Amino acid sequence: MHKQELIDAIHAKNPTAAKVFLEMFDEPTLDRYLRRLNTVAGHRGPDSGWVREGATPAITSAADLAA
């Protein structure tokens, strides 16, 4: 998916995510977030799970991006 397609797909699943905010992220980051949204929207239970990838921070804010 291209960046705008990722943003549109994320916004469809999470309308509280402002498109202008999402535009600050690169495609790989947006793709990871969309996959995360798809995971949490799916099956839930003891056999479901999600593992944070590599050095991805647990919490990211707009202030972190500005630094």
C-alpha atoms as a PDB file:
ATOM      1  CA  MET A   1       0.000   0.000   0.000  1.00  0.00           C
ATOM      2  CA  HIS A   2       1.054   3.553  -0.625  1.00  0.00           C
ATOM      3  CA  LYS A   3       1.208   6.068   2.200  1.00  0.00           C
ATOM      4  CA  GLN A   4      -2.170   7.686   1.466  1.00  0.00           C
ATOM      5  CA  GLU A   5      -3.845   4.268   1.211  1.00  0.00           C
ATOM      6  CA  LEU A   6      -2.389   3.312   4.592  1.00  0.00           C
ATOM      7  CA  ILE A   7      -3.609   6.584   6.115  1.00  0.00           C
ATOM      8  CA  ASP A   8      -7.098   6.069   4.684  1.00  0.00           C
ATOM      9  CA  ALA A   9      -7.227   2.464   5.953  1.00  0.00           C
ATOM     10  CA  ILE A  10      -6.032   3.493   9.419  1.00  0.00           C
ATOM     11  CA  HIS A  11      -8.518   6.357   9.564  1.00  0.00           C
ATOM     12  CA  ALA A  12     -11.340   3.988   8.552  1.00  0.00           C
ATOM     13  CA  LYS A  13     -10.494   1.712  11.507  1.00  0.00           C
ATOM     14  CA  ASN A  14      -9.625   4.536  13.916  1.00  0.00           C
ATOM     15  CA  PRO A  15     -11.464   7.748  12.981  1.00  0.00           C
ATOM     16  CA  THR A  16      -9.956   9.517  16.000  1.00  0.00           C
ATOM     17  CA  ALA A  17      -6.532   9.334  14.320  1.00  0.00           C
ATOM     18  CA  ALA A  18      -6.254  12.667  12.530  1.00  0.00           C
ATOM     19  CA  LYS A  19      -5.009  12.313   8.968  1.00  0.00           C
ATOM     20  CA  VAL A  20      -2.686  15.297   9.405  1.00  0.00           C
ATOM     21  CA  PHE A  21      -1.083  13.496  12.383  1.00  0.00           C
ATOM     22  CA  LEU A  22      -0.734  10.221  10.454  1.00  0.00           C
ATOM     23  CA  GLU A  23       0.989  12.055   7.579  1.00  0.00           C
ATOM     24  CA  MET A  24       3.985  12.684   9.878  1.00  0.00           C
ATOM     25  CA  PHE A  25       4.852   8.951   9.852  1.00  0.00           C
ATOM     26  CA  ASP A  26       6.634   6.964   7.161  1.00  0.00           C
ATOM     27  CA  GLU A  27       5.086   4.019   5.293  1.00  0.00           C
ATOM     28  CA  PRO A  28       6.688   1.223   7.369  1.00  0.00           C
ATOM     29  CA  THR A  29       5.443   2.812  10.602  1.00  0.00           C
ATOM     30  CA  LEU A  30       1.939   3.279   9.215  1.00  0.00           C
ATOM     31  CA  ASP A  31       1.936  -0.308   7.977  1.00  0.00           C
ATOM     32  CA  ARG A  32       2.901  -1.599  11.439  1.00  0.00           C
ATOM     33  CA  TYR A  33       0.132   0.461  13.026  1.00  0.00           C
ATOM     34  CA  LEU A  34      -2.463  -0.786  10.523  1.00  0.00           C
ATOM     35  CA  ARG A  35      -1.408  -4.391  11.177  1.00  0.00           C
ATOM     36  CA  ARG A  36      -1.755  -3.704  14.914  1.00  0.00           C
ATOM     37  CA  LEU A  37      -5.253  -2.291  14.407  1.00  0.00           C
ATOM     38  CA  ASN A  38      -6.202  -5.352  12.361  1.00  0.00           C
ATOM     39  CA  THR A  39      -4.853  -7.645  15.092  1.00  0.00           C
ATOM     40  CA  VAL A  40      -6.794  -6.010  17.913  1.00  0.00           C
ATOM     41  CA  ALA A  41      -9.958  -5.956  15.798  1.00  0.00           C
ATOM     42  CA  GLY A  42      -9.749  -9.712  15.282  1.00  0.00           C
ATOM     43  CA  HIS A  43     -10.068 -12.737  17.533  1.00  0.00           C
ATOM     44  CA  ARG A  44      -9.405 -12.125  21.211  1.00  0.00           C
ATOM     45  CA  GLY A  45      -8.559 -14.679  23.812  1.00  0.00           C
ATOM     46  CA  PRO A  46      -5.700 -16.586  25.381  1.00  0.00           C
ATOM     47  CA  ASP A  47      -4.364 -17.795  22.024  1.00  0.00           C
ATOM     48  CA  SER A  48      -4.319 -14.331  20.437  1.00  0.00           C
ATOM     49  CA  GLY A  49      -1.375 -12.030  20.803  1.00  0.00           C
ATOM     50  CA  TRP A  50       0.748  -9.289  19.402  1.00  0.00           C
ATOM     51  CA  VAL A  51       4.479  -8.758  19.809  1.00  0.00           C
ATOM     52  CA  ARG A  52       5.974  -5.290  19.504  1.00  0.00           C
ATOM     53  CA  GLU A  53       8.523  -5.335  16.690  1.00  0.00           C
ATOM     54  CA  GLY A  54      12.214  -4.626  17.170  1.00  0.00           C
ATOM     55  CA  ALA A  55      13.118  -1.267  18.668  1.00  0.00           C
ATOM     56  CA  THR A  56       9.603   0.124  18.278  1.00  0.00           C
ATOM     57  CA  PRO A  57       8.878   2.333  21.297  1.00  0.00           C
ATOM     58  CA  ALA A  58       5.940   1.358  23.448  1.00  0.00           C
ATOM     59  CA  ILE A  59       4.679   4.947  23.530  1.00  0.00           C
ATOM     60  CA  THR A  60       5.139   7.614  20.847  1.00  0.00           C
ATOM     61  CA  SER A  61       3.859  11.171  20.911  1.00  0.00           C
ATOM     62  CA  ALA A  62       3.877  14.137  18.570  1.00  0.00           C
ATOM     63  CA  ALA A  63       6.512  15.701  20.848  1.00  0.00           C
ATOM     64  CA  ASP A  64       8.794  12.716  20.177  1.00  0.00           C
ATOM     65  CA  LEU A  65       8.469  13.341  16.444  1.00  0.00           C
ATOM     66  CA  ALA A  66       9.360  17.012  16.794  1.00  0.00           C
ATOM     67  CA  ALA A  67      12.582  16.255  18.681  1.00  0.00           C
END
